[in-house]
Amino acid sequence: MKRVMVSVMLSQERHQWLHEKRVEEVDNLVLYVLNQCKNGDEGGLVDLRLVAQHYSCKVTRKFIFNRRYLGEGKADGGPSFEEEEYVDAIFPFVIHLYSS
């Protein structure tokens, strides 16, 4: 199994094949952060931890389902209510899964 993971899933070819999907999500991330800085109610403050969590979930969702959002996204490129709940549920699960 380890050999398959290294030779197939973590190969250079697979990394290059998925490059466009990662770039698309990074472009969306930069647009969202820029909109938060310009129009933010808190004087342009952005929670980078939350942004990084949403980015990692979006990239994974884009790889698996070829979708960016769960439901409808916000006009500024931010996560929807469903997506915020999803991320809030996934990260504690992953932390507990790998805690032992």
PDB file of N, CA and C in Angstrom:
ATOM      1  N   MET A   1       0.830  -1.194   0.000  1.00  0.00           N
ATOM      2  CA  MET A   1       0.000   0.000   0.000  1.00  0.00           C
ATOM      3  C   MET A   1       0.872   1.255   0.000  1.00  0.00           C
ATOM      4  N   LYS A   2       1.942   1.216   0.783  1.00  0.00           N
ATOM      5  CA  LYS A   2       2.846   2.371   0.843  1.00  0.00           C
ATOM      6  C   LYS A   2       3.470   2.629  -0.524  1.00  0.00           C
ATOM      7  N   ARG A   3       3.843   1.573  -1.200  1.00  0.00           N
ATOM      8  CA  ARG A   3       4.457   1.710  -2.520  1.00  0.00           C
ATOM      9  C   ARG A   3       3.473   2.322  -3.519  1.00  0.00           C
ATOM     10  N   VAL A   4       2.216   1.922  -3.449  1.00  0.00           N
ATOM     11  CA  VAL A   4       1.189   2.471  -4.338  1.00  0.00           C
ATOM     12  C   VAL A   4       0.984   3.952  -4.048  1.00  0.00           C
ATOM     13  N   MET A   5       0.914   4.314  -2.776  1.00  0.00           N
ATOM     14  CA  MET A   5       0.723   5.725  -2.426  1.00  0.00           C
ATOM     15  C   MET A   5       1.868   6.581  -2.943  1.00  0.00           C
ATOM     16  N   VAL A   6       3.087   6.106  -2.756  1.00  0.00           N
ATOM     17  CA  VAL A   6       4.242   6.901  -3.180  1.00  0.00           C
ATOM     18  C   VAL A   6       4.346   6.953  -4.695  1.00  0.00           C
ATOM     19  N   SER A   7       4.126   5.834  -5.360  1.00  0.00           N
ATOM     20  CA  SER A   7       4.334   5.809  -6.808  1.00  0.00           C
ATOM     21  C   SER A   7       3.162   6.390  -7.604  1.00  0.00           C
ATOM     22  N   VAL A   8       1.949   6.346  -7.053  1.00  0.00           N
ATOM     23  CA  VAL A   8       0.783   6.814  -7.816  1.00  0.00           C
ATOM     24  C   VAL A   8       0.236   8.119  -7.256  1.00  0.00           C
ATOM     25  N   MET A   9      -0.199   8.108  -6.012  1.00  0.00           N
ATOM     26  CA  MET A   9      -0.900   9.260  -5.445  1.00  0.00           C
ATOM     27  C   MET A   9       0.015  10.454  -5.169  1.00  0.00           C
ATOM     28  N   LEU A  10       1.236  10.216  -4.791  1.00  0.00           N
ATOM     29  CA  LEU A  10       2.154  11.307  -4.460  1.00  0.00           C
ATOM     30  C   LEU A  10       3.208  11.526  -5.535  1.00  0.00           C
ATOM     31  N   SER A  11       2.922  11.116  -6.744  1.00  0.00           N
ATOM     32  CA  SER A  11       3.895  11.238  -7.827  1.00  0.00           C
ATOM     33  C   SER A  11       3.925  12.663  -8.385  1.00  0.00           C
ATOM     34  N   GLN A  12       4.989  12.946  -9.103  1.00  0.00           N
ATOM     35  CA  GLN A  12       5.153  14.260  -9.735  1.00  0.00           C
ATOM     36  C   GLN A  12       4.090  14.488 -10.809  1.00  0.00           C
ATOM     37  N   GLU A  13       3.736  13.446 -11.532  1.00  0.00           N
ATOM     38  CA  GLU A  13       2.722  13.578 -12.576  1.00  0.00           C
ATOM     39  C   GLU A  13       1.360  13.948 -11.982  1.00  0.00           C
ATOM     40  N   ARG A  14       0.991  13.308 -10.875  1.00  0.00           N
ATOM     41  CA  ARG A  14      -0.288  13.613 -10.225  1.00  0.00           C
ATOM     42  C   ARG A  14      -0.270  15.041  -9.680  1.00  0.00           C
ATOM     43  N   HIS A  15       0.867  15.444  -9.144  1.00  0.00           N
ATOM     44  CA  HIS A  15       1.003  16.801  -8.616  1.00  0.00           C
ATOM     45  C   HIS A  15       0.803  17.833  -9.733  1.00  0.00           C
ATOM     46  N   GLN A  16       1.399  17.611 -10.874  1.00  0.00           N
ATOM     47  CA  GLN A  16       1.242  18.534 -11.994  1.00  0.00           C
ATOM     48  C   GLN A  16      -0.164  18.469 -12.589  1.00  0.00           C
ATOM     49  N   TRP A  17      -0.782  17.301 -12.586  1.00  0.00           N
ATOM     50  CA  TRP A  17      -2.126  17.127 -13.118  1.00  0.00           C
ATOM     51  C   TRP A  17      -3.151  17.929 -12.321  1.00  0.00           C
ATOM     52  N   LEU A  18      -2.953  18.039 -11.005  1.00  0.00           N
ATOM     53  CA  LEU A  18      -3.886  18.751 -10.145  1.00  0.00           C
ATOM     54  C   LEU A  18      -3.505  20.226  -9.927  1.00  0.00           C
ATOM     55  N   HIS A  19      -2.476  20.678 -10.602  1.00  0.00           N
ATOM     56  CA  HIS A  19      -1.984  22.043 -10.417  1.00  0.00           C
ATOM     57  C   HIS A  19      -3.049  23.096 -10.748  1.00  0.00           C
ATOM     58  N   GLU A  20      -3.773  22.924 -11.840  1.00  0.00           N
ATOM     59  CA  GLU A  20      -4.775  23.908 -12.257  1.00  0.00           C
ATOM     60  C   GLU A  20      -5.893  24.066 -11.229  1.00  0.00           C
ATOM     61  N   LYS A  21      -6.287  22.978 -10.596  1.00  0.00           N
ATOM     62  CA  LYS A  21      -7.338  23.059  -9.583  1.00  0.00           C
ATOM     63  C   LYS A  21      -6.846  23.807  -8.354  1.00  0.00           C
ATOM     64  N   ARG A  22      -5.593  23.595  -7.976  1.00  0.00           N
ATOM     65  CA  ARG A  22      -5.039  24.334  -6.842  1.00  0.00           C
ATOM     66  C   ARG A  22      -4.904  25.815  -7.166  1.00  0.00           C
ATOM     67  N   VAL A  23      -4.474  26.141  -8.378  1.00  0.00           N
ATOM     68  CA  VAL A  23      -4.327  27.541  -8.792  1.00  0.00           C
ATOM     69  C   VAL A  23      -5.685  28.231  -8.800  1.00  0.00           C
ATOM     70  N   GLU A  24      -6.711  27.546  -9.251  1.00  0.00           N
ATOM     71  CA  GLU A  24      -8.055  28.119  -9.266  1.00  0.00           C
ATOM     72  C   GLU A  24      -8.517  28.459  -7.849  1.00  0.00           C
ATOM     73  N   GLU A  25      -8.239  27.582  -6.905  1.00  0.00           N
ATOM     74  CA  GLU A  25      -8.635  27.840  -5.519  1.00  0.00           C
ATOM     75  C   GLU A  25      -7.793  28.947  -4.888  1.00  0.00           C
ATOM     76  N   VAL A  26      -6.529  29.035  -5.251  1.00  0.00           N
ATOM     77  CA  VAL A  26      -5.682  30.117  -4.730  1.00  0.00           C
ATOM     78  C   VAL A  26      -6.165  31.456  -5.265  1.00  0.00           C
ATOM     79  N   ASP A  27      -6.546  31.515  -6.533  1.00  0.00           N
ATOM     80  CA  ASP A  27      -7.084  32.755  -7.096  1.00  0.00           C
ATOM     81  C   ASP A  27      -8.344  33.186  -6.358  1.00  0.00           C
ATOM     82  N   ASN A  28      -9.208  32.239  -6.060  1.00  0.00           N
ATOM     83  CA  ASN A  28     -10.420  32.538  -5.316  1.00  0.00           C
ATOM     84  C   ASN A  28     -10.084  33.000  -3.893  1.00  0.00           C
ATOM     85  N   LEU A  29      -9.090  32.374  -3.290  1.00  0.00           N
ATOM     86  CA  LEU A  29      -8.663  32.748  -1.947  1.00  0.00           C
ATOM     87  C   LEU A  29      -8.122  34.179  -1.910  1.00  0.00           C
ATOM     88  N   VAL A  30      -7.295  34.532  -2.875  1.00  0.00           N
ATOM     89  CA  VAL A  30      -6.726  35.881  -2.924  1.00  0.00           C
ATOM     90  C   VAL A  30      -7.826  36.914  -3.149  1.00  0.00           C
ATOM     91  N   LEU A  31      -8.786  36.607  -3.997  1.00  0.00           N
ATOM     92  CA  LEU A  31      -9.912  37.509  -4.229  1.00  0.00           C
ATOM     93  C   LEU A  31     -10.720  37.704  -2.946  1.00  0.00           C
ATOM     94  N   TYR A  32     -10.968  36.628  -2.219  1.00  0.00           N
ATOM     95  CA  TYR A  32     -11.716  36.710  -0.963  1.00  0.00           C
ATOM     96  C   TYR A  32     -10.974  37.558   0.070  1.00  0.00           C
ATOM     97  N   VAL A  33      -9.679  37.338   0.229  1.00  0.00           N
ATOM     98  CA  VAL A  33      -8.888  38.119   1.203  1.00  0.00           C
ATOM     99  C   VAL A  33      -8.850  39.582   0.798  1.00  0.00           C
ATOM    100  N   LEU A  34      -8.701  39.850  -0.487  1.00  0.00           N
ATOM    101  CA  LEU A  34      -8.704  41.232  -0.968  1.00  0.00           C
ATOM    102  C   LEU A  34     -10.040  41.905  -0.674  1.00  0.00           C
ATOM    103  N   ASN A  35     -11.144  41.217  -0.916  1.00  0.00           N
ATOM    104  CA  ASN A  35     -12.470  41.772  -0.619  1.00  0.00           C
ATOM    105  C   ASN A  35     -12.654  41.995   0.879  1.00  0.00           C
ATOM    106  N   GLN A  36     -12.129  41.103   1.704  1.00  0.00           N
ATOM    107  CA  GLN A  36     -12.224  41.279   3.144  1.00  0.00           C
ATOM    108  C   GLN A  36     -11.428  42.494   3.604  1.00  0.00           C
ATOM    109  N   CYS A  37     -10.275  42.719   2.995  1.00  0.00           N
ATOM    110  CA  CYS A  37      -9.456  43.882   3.364  1.00  0.00           C
ATOM    111  C   CYS A  37     -10.121  45.191   2.947  1.00  0.00           C
ATOM    112  N   LYS A  38     -10.753  45.197   1.792  1.00  0.00           N
ATOM    113  CA  LYS A  38     -11.399  46.411   1.294  1.00  0.00           C
ATOM    114  C   LYS A  38     -12.717  46.709   1.991  1.00  0.00           C
ATOM    115  N   ASN A  39     -13.549  45.685   2.158  1.00  0.00           N
ATOM    116  CA  ASN A  39     -14.915  45.903   2.621  1.00  0.00           C
ATOM    117  C   ASN A  39     -15.178  45.396   4.030  1.00  0.00           C
ATOM    118  N   GLY A  40     -14.154  44.993   4.733  1.00  0.00           N
ATOM    119  CA  GLY A  40     -14.359  44.388   6.041  1.00  0.00           C
ATOM    120  C   GLY A  40     -14.931  45.358   7.062  1.00  0.00           C
ATOM    121  N   ASP A  41     -15.819  44.851   7.892  1.00  0.00           N
ATOM    122  CA  ASP A  41     -16.412  45.667   8.947  1.00  0.00           C
ATOM    123  C   ASP A  41     -15.424  45.902  10.086  1.00  0.00           C
ATOM    124  N   GLU A  42     -14.403  45.071  10.164  1.00  0.00           N
ATOM    125  CA  GLU A  42     -13.441  45.150  11.263  1.00  0.00           C
ATOM    126  C   GLU A  42     -12.177  45.897  10.867  1.00  0.00           C
ATOM    127  N   GLY A  43     -12.244  46.759   9.917  1.00  0.00           N
ATOM    128  CA  GLY A  43     -11.089  47.548   9.518  1.00  0.00           C
ATOM    129  C   GLY A  43     -10.084  46.791   8.667  1.00  0.00           C
ATOM    130  N   GLY A  44     -10.519  45.806   7.929  1.00  0.00           N
ATOM    131  CA  GLY A  44      -9.626  45.072   7.042  1.00  0.00           C
ATOM    132  C   GLY A  44      -8.927  43.903   7.692  1.00  0.00           C
ATOM    133  N   LEU A  45      -9.335  43.498   8.890  1.00  0.00           N
ATOM    134  CA  LEU A  45      -8.718  42.347   9.546  1.00  0.00           C
ATOM    135  C   LEU A  45      -9.251  41.053   8.938  1.00  0.00           C
ATOM    136  N   VAL A  46      -8.332  40.113   8.717  1.00  0.00           N
ATOM    137  CA  VAL A  46      -8.696  38.827   8.131  1.00  0.00           C
ATOM    138  C   VAL A  46      -8.159  37.728   9.037  1.00  0.00           C
ATOM    139  N   ASP A  47      -9.004  36.763   9.381  1.00  0.00           N
ATOM    140  CA  ASP A  47      -8.595  35.620  10.188  1.00  0.00           C
ATOM    141  C   ASP A  47      -7.919  34.601   9.269  1.00  0.00           C
ATOM    142  N   LEU A  48      -6.589  34.591   9.257  1.00  0.00           N
ATOM    143  CA  LEU A  48      -5.858  33.735   8.335  1.00  0.00           C
ATOM    144  C   LEU A  48      -6.007  32.254   8.666  1.00  0.00           C
ATOM    145  N   ARG A  49      -6.223  31.939   9.926  1.00  0.00           N
ATOM    146  CA  ARG A  49      -6.432  30.541  10.295  1.00  0.00           C
ATOM    147  C   ARG A  49      -7.710  30.010   9.639  1.00  0.00           C
ATOM    148  N   LEU A  50      -8.759  30.790   9.713  1.00  0.00           N
ATOM    149  CA  LEU A  50     -10.026  30.399   9.102  1.00  0.00           C
ATOM    150  C   LEU A  50      -9.898  30.331   7.584  1.00  0.00           C
ATOM    151  N   VAL A  51      -9.204  31.266   7.003  1.00  0.00           N
ATOM    152  CA  VAL A  51      -9.003  31.281   5.547  1.00  0.00           C
ATOM    153  C   VAL A  51      -8.213  30.049   5.110  1.00  0.00           C
ATOM    154  N   ALA A  52      -7.172  29.682   5.855  1.00  0.00           N
ATOM    155  CA  ALA A  52      -6.378  28.500   5.512  1.00  0.00           C
ATOM    156  C   ALA A  52      -7.193  27.223   5.657  1.00  0.00           C
ATOM    157  N   GLN A  53      -8.041  27.150   6.670  1.00  0.00           N
ATOM    158  CA  GLN A  53      -8.893  25.974   6.837  1.00  0.00           C
ATOM    159  C   GLN A  53      -9.864  25.840   5.666  1.00  0.00           C
ATOM    160  N   HIS A  54     -10.467  26.931   5.276  1.00  0.00           N
ATOM    161  CA  HIS A  54     -11.410  26.877   4.160  1.00  0.00           C
ATOM    162  C   HIS A  54     -10.693  26.556   2.857  1.00  0.00           C
ATOM    163  N   TYR A  55      -9.478  27.070   2.686  1.00  0.00           N
ATOM    164  CA  TYR A  55      -8.720  26.760   1.475  1.00  0.00           C
ATOM    165  C   TYR A  55      -8.422  25.267   1.387  1.00  0.00           C
ATOM    166  N   SER A  56      -7.959  24.679   2.476  1.00  0.00           N
ATOM    167  CA  SER A  56      -7.625  23.258   2.430  1.00  0.00           C
ATOM    168  C   SER A  56      -8.860  22.398   2.178  1.00  0.00           C
ATOM    169  N   CYS A  57      -9.986  22.770   2.764  1.00  0.00           N
ATOM    170  CA  CYS A  57     -11.224  22.023   2.505  1.00  0.00           C
ATOM    171  C   CYS A  57     -11.701  22.217   1.070  1.00  0.00           C
ATOM    172  N   LYS A  58     -11.564  23.428   0.547  1.00  0.00           N
ATOM    173  CA  LYS A  58     -12.001  23.687  -0.826  1.00  0.00           C
ATOM    174  C   LYS A  58     -11.147  22.931  -1.837  1.00  0.00           C
ATOM    175  N   VAL A  59      -9.840  22.874  -1.598  1.00  0.00           N
ATOM    176  CA  VAL A  59      -8.970  22.145  -2.520  1.00  0.00           C
ATOM    177  C   VAL A  59      -9.319  20.665  -2.508  1.00  0.00           C
ATOM    178  N   THR A  60      -9.522  20.104  -1.327  1.00  0.00           N
ATOM    179  CA  THR A  60      -9.892  18.695  -1.237  1.00  0.00           C
ATOM    180  C   THR A  60     -11.234  18.438  -1.902  1.00  0.00           C
ATOM    181  N   ARG A  61     -12.202  19.313  -1.656  1.00  0.00           N
ATOM    182  CA  ARG A  61     -13.520  19.156  -2.264  1.00  0.00           C
ATOM    183  C   ARG A  61     -13.429  19.310  -3.789  1.00  0.00           C
ATOM    184  N   LYS A  62     -12.577  20.202  -4.254  1.00  0.00           N
ATOM    185  CA  LYS A  62     -12.402  20.389  -5.698  1.00  0.00           C
ATOM    186  C   LYS A  62     -11.781  19.145  -6.334  1.00  0.00           C
ATOM    187  N   PHE A  63     -10.818  18.508  -5.650  1.00  0.00           N
ATOM    188  CA  PHE A  63     -10.207  17.293  -6.165  1.00  0.00           C
ATOM    189  C   PHE A  63     -11.212  16.148  -6.242  1.00  0.00           C
ATOM    190  N   ILE A  64     -12.017  16.007  -5.196  1.00  0.00           N
ATOM    191  CA  ILE A  64     -12.895  14.849  -5.097  1.00  0.00           C
ATOM    192  C   ILE A  64     -14.202  15.050  -5.864  1.00  0.00           C
ATOM    193  N   PHE A  65     -14.873  16.191  -5.642  1.00  0.00           N
ATOM    194  CA  PHE A  65     -16.211  16.403  -6.197  1.00  0.00           C
ATOM    195  C   PHE A  65     -16.252  17.379  -7.371  1.00  0.00           C
ATOM    196  N   ASN A  66     -15.136  18.053  -7.655  1.00  0.00           N
ATOM    197  CA  ASN A  66     -15.051  19.082  -8.693  1.00  0.00           C
ATOM    198  C   ASN A  66     -16.042  20.218  -8.426  1.00  0.00           C
ATOM    199  N   ARG A  67     -16.230  20.545  -7.150  1.00  0.00           N
ATOM    200  CA  ARG A  67     -17.084  21.661  -6.728  1.00  0.00           C
ATOM    201  C   ARG A  67     -16.314  22.504  -5.725  1.00  0.00           C
ATOM    202  N   ARG A  68     -16.580  23.788  -5.724  1.00  0.00           N
ATOM    203  CA  ARG A  68     -15.926  24.681  -4.780  1.00  0.00           C
ATOM    204  C   ARG A  68     -16.757  24.871  -3.519  1.00  0.00           C
ATOM    205  N   TYR A  69     -18.052  25.024  -3.674  1.00  0.00           N
ATOM    206  CA  TYR A  69     -18.912  25.364  -2.542  1.00  0.00           C
ATOM    207  C   TYR A  69     -19.896  24.251  -2.233  1.00  0.00           C
ATOM    208  N   LEU A  70     -20.346  24.237  -1.000  1.00  0.00           N
ATOM    209  CA  LEU A  70     -21.504  23.448  -0.601  1.00  0.00           C
ATOM    210  C   LEU A  70     -22.667  24.422  -0.599  1.00  0.00           C
ATOM    211  N   GLY A  71     -23.566  24.282  -1.505  1.00  0.00           N
ATOM    212  CA  GLY A  71     -24.648  25.253  -1.630  1.00  0.00           C
ATOM    213  C   GLY A  71     -24.183  26.426  -2.475  1.00  0.00           C
ATOM    214  N   GLU A  72     -24.630  27.614  -2.123  1.00  0.00           N
ATOM    215  CA  GLU A  72     -24.274  28.835  -2.850  1.00  0.00           C
ATOM    216  C   GLU A  72     -23.158  29.565  -2.116  1.00  0.00           C
ATOM    217  N   GLY A  73     -22.204  30.094  -2.849  1.00  0.00           N
ATOM    218  CA  GLY A  73     -21.151  30.898  -2.249  1.00  0.00           C
ATOM    219  C   GLY A  73     -21.608  32.335  -2.049  1.00  0.00           C
ATOM    220  N   LYS A  74     -20.857  33.088  -1.285  1.00  0.00           N
ATOM    221  CA  LYS A  74     -21.182  34.499  -1.077  1.00  0.00           C
ATOM    222  C   LYS A  74     -20.688  35.320  -2.263  1.00  0.00           C
ATOM    223  N   ALA A  75     -21.192  36.519  -2.384  1.00  0.00           N
ATOM    224  CA  ALA A  75     -20.822  37.390  -3.503  1.00  0.00           C
ATOM    225  C   ALA A  75     -19.353  37.808  -3.447  1.00  0.00           C
ATOM    226  N   ASP A  76     -18.783  37.895  -2.238  1.00  0.00           N
ATOM    227  CA  ASP A  76     -17.389  38.318  -2.115  1.00  0.00           C
ATOM    228  C   ASP A  76     -16.398  37.163  -2.238  1.00  0.00           C
ATOM    229  N   GLY A  77     -16.885  35.968  -2.578  1.00  0.00           N
ATOM    230  CA  GLY A  77     -16.006  34.815  -2.733  1.00  0.00           C
ATOM    231  C   GLY A  77     -15.821  34.028  -1.456  1.00  0.00           C
ATOM    232  N   GLY A  78     -16.505  34.405  -0.423  1.00  0.00           N
ATOM    233  CA  GLY A  78     -16.365  33.746   0.861  1.00  0.00           C
ATOM    234  C   GLY A  78     -17.204  32.497   0.990  1.00  0.00           C
ATOM    235  N   PRO A  79     -17.004  31.794   2.078  1.00  0.00           N
ATOM    236  CA  PRO A  79     -17.743  30.549   2.288  1.00  0.00           C
ATOM    237  C   PRO A  79     -19.201  30.804   2.646  1.00  0.00           C
ATOM    238  N   SER A  80     -20.055  29.883   2.243  1.00  0.00           N
ATOM    239  CA  SER A  80     -21.466  29.966   2.590  1.00  0.00           C
ATOM    240  C   SER A  80     -21.679  29.445   4.008  1.00  0.00           C
ATOM    241  N   PHE A  81     -22.903  29.560   4.498  1.00  0.00           N
ATOM    242  CA  PHE A  81     -23.234  29.089   5.837  1.00  0.00           C
ATOM    243  C   PHE A  81     -23.007  27.583   5.955  1.00  0.00           C
ATOM    244  N   GLU A  82     -23.416  26.821   4.928  1.00  0.00           N
ATOM    245  CA  GLU A  82     -23.232  25.377   4.940  1.00  0.00           C
ATOM    246  C   GLU A  82     -21.765  25.005   4.984  1.00  0.00           C
ATOM    247  N   GLU A  83     -20.956  25.745   4.240  1.00  0.00           N
ATOM    248  CA  GLU A  83     -19.527  25.452   4.201  1.00  0.00           C
ATOM    249  C   GLU A  83     -18.849  25.774   5.528  1.00  0.00           C
ATOM    250  N   GLU A  84     -19.267  26.839   6.182  1.00  0.00           N
ATOM    251  CA  GLU A  84     -18.711  27.158   7.491  1.00  0.00           C
ATOM    252  C   GLU A  84     -19.033  26.059   8.503  1.00  0.00           C
ATOM    253  N   GLU A  85     -20.259  25.546   8.451  1.00  0.00           N
ATOM    254  CA  GLU A  85     -20.616  24.437   9.338  1.00  0.00           C
ATOM    255  C   GLU A  85     -19.801  23.188   9.012  1.00  0.00           C
ATOM    256  N   TYR A  86     -19.593  22.931   7.756  1.00  0.00           N
ATOM    257  CA  TYR A  86     -18.813  21.771   7.323  1.00  0.00           C
ATOM    258  C   TYR A  86     -17.386  21.845   7.844  1.00  0.00           C
ATOM    259  N   VAL A  87     -16.747  22.990   7.685  1.00  0.00           N
ATOM    260  CA  VAL A  87     -15.369  23.152   8.144  1.00  0.00           C
ATOM    261  C   VAL A  87     -15.295  23.082   9.670  1.00  0.00           C
ATOM    262  N   ASP A  88     -16.285  23.678  10.345  1.00  0.00           N
ATOM    263  CA  ASP A  88     -16.320  23.612  11.801  1.00  0.00           C
ATOM    264  C   ASP A  88     -16.478  22.183  12.303  1.00  0.00           C
ATOM    265  N   ALA A  89     -17.092  21.311  11.511  1.00  0.00           N
ATOM    266  CA  ALA A  89     -17.265  19.915  11.913  1.00  0.00           C
ATOM    267  C   ALA A  89     -16.071  19.047  11.517  1.00  0.00           C
ATOM    268  N   ILE A  90     -15.452  19.327  10.377  1.00  0.00           N
ATOM    269  CA  ILE A  90     -14.367  18.484   9.865  1.00  0.00           C
ATOM    270  C   ILE A  90     -13.094  18.602  10.692  1.00  0.00           C
ATOM    271  N   PHE A  91     -12.673  19.804  11.039  1.00  0.00           N
ATOM    272  CA  PHE A  91     -11.385  19.964  11.701  1.00  0.00           C
ATOM    273  C   PHE A  91     -11.335  19.352  13.098  1.00  0.00           C
ATOM    274  N   PRO A  92     -12.341  19.478  13.947  1.00  0.00           N
ATOM    275  CA  PRO A  92     -12.281  18.742  15.221  1.00  0.00           C
ATOM    276  C   PRO A  92     -12.253  17.223  15.011  1.00  0.00           C
ATOM    277  N   PHE A  93     -12.950  16.737  14.002  1.00  0.00           N
ATOM    278  CA  PHE A  93     -12.934  15.308  13.697  1.00  0.00           C
ATOM    279  C   PHE A  93     -11.527  14.858  13.327  1.00  0.00           C
ATOM    280  N   VAL A  94     -10.852  15.603  12.468  1.00  0.00           N
ATOM    281  CA  VAL A  94      -9.490  15.249  12.045  1.00  0.00           C
ATOM    282  C   VAL A  94      -8.526  15.327  13.225  1.00  0.00           C
ATOM    283  N   ILE A  95      -8.679  16.336  14.070  1.00  0.00           N
ATOM    284  CA  ILE A  95      -7.813  16.462  15.236  1.00  0.00           C
ATOM    285  C   ILE A  95      -7.971  15.263  16.160  1.00  0.00           C
ATOM    286  N   HIS A  96      -9.200  14.833  16.415  1.00  0.00           N
ATOM    287  CA  HIS A  96      -9.434  13.667  17.270  1.00  0.00           C
ATOM    288  C   HIS A  96      -9.002  12.365  16.611  1.00  0.00           C
ATOM    289  N   LEU A  97      -9.120  12.307  15.306  1.00  0.00           N
ATOM    290  CA  LEU A  97      -8.733  11.107  14.585  1.00  0.00           C
ATOM    291  C   LEU A  97      -7.231  10.845  14.712  1.00  0.00           C
ATOM    292  N   TYR A  98      -6.429  11.892  14.619  1.00  0.00           N
ATOM    293  CA  TYR A  98      -4.985  11.741  14.666  1.00  0.00           C
ATOM    294  C   TYR A  98      -4.382  12.075  16.039  1.00  0.00           C
ATOM    295  N   SER A  99      -5.193  12.141  17.078  1.00  0.00           N
ATOM    296  CA  SER A  99      -4.680  12.511  18.389  1.00  0.00           C
ATOM    297  C   SER A  99      -3.956  11.373  19.100  1.00  0.00           C
ATOM    298  N   SER A 100      -4.255  10.140  18.766  1.00  0.00           N
ATOM    299  CA  SER A 100      -3.629   9.041  19.497  1.00  0.00           C
ATOM    300  C   SER A 100      -2.371   8.544  18.880  1.00  0.00           C
TER     301      SER A 100
END
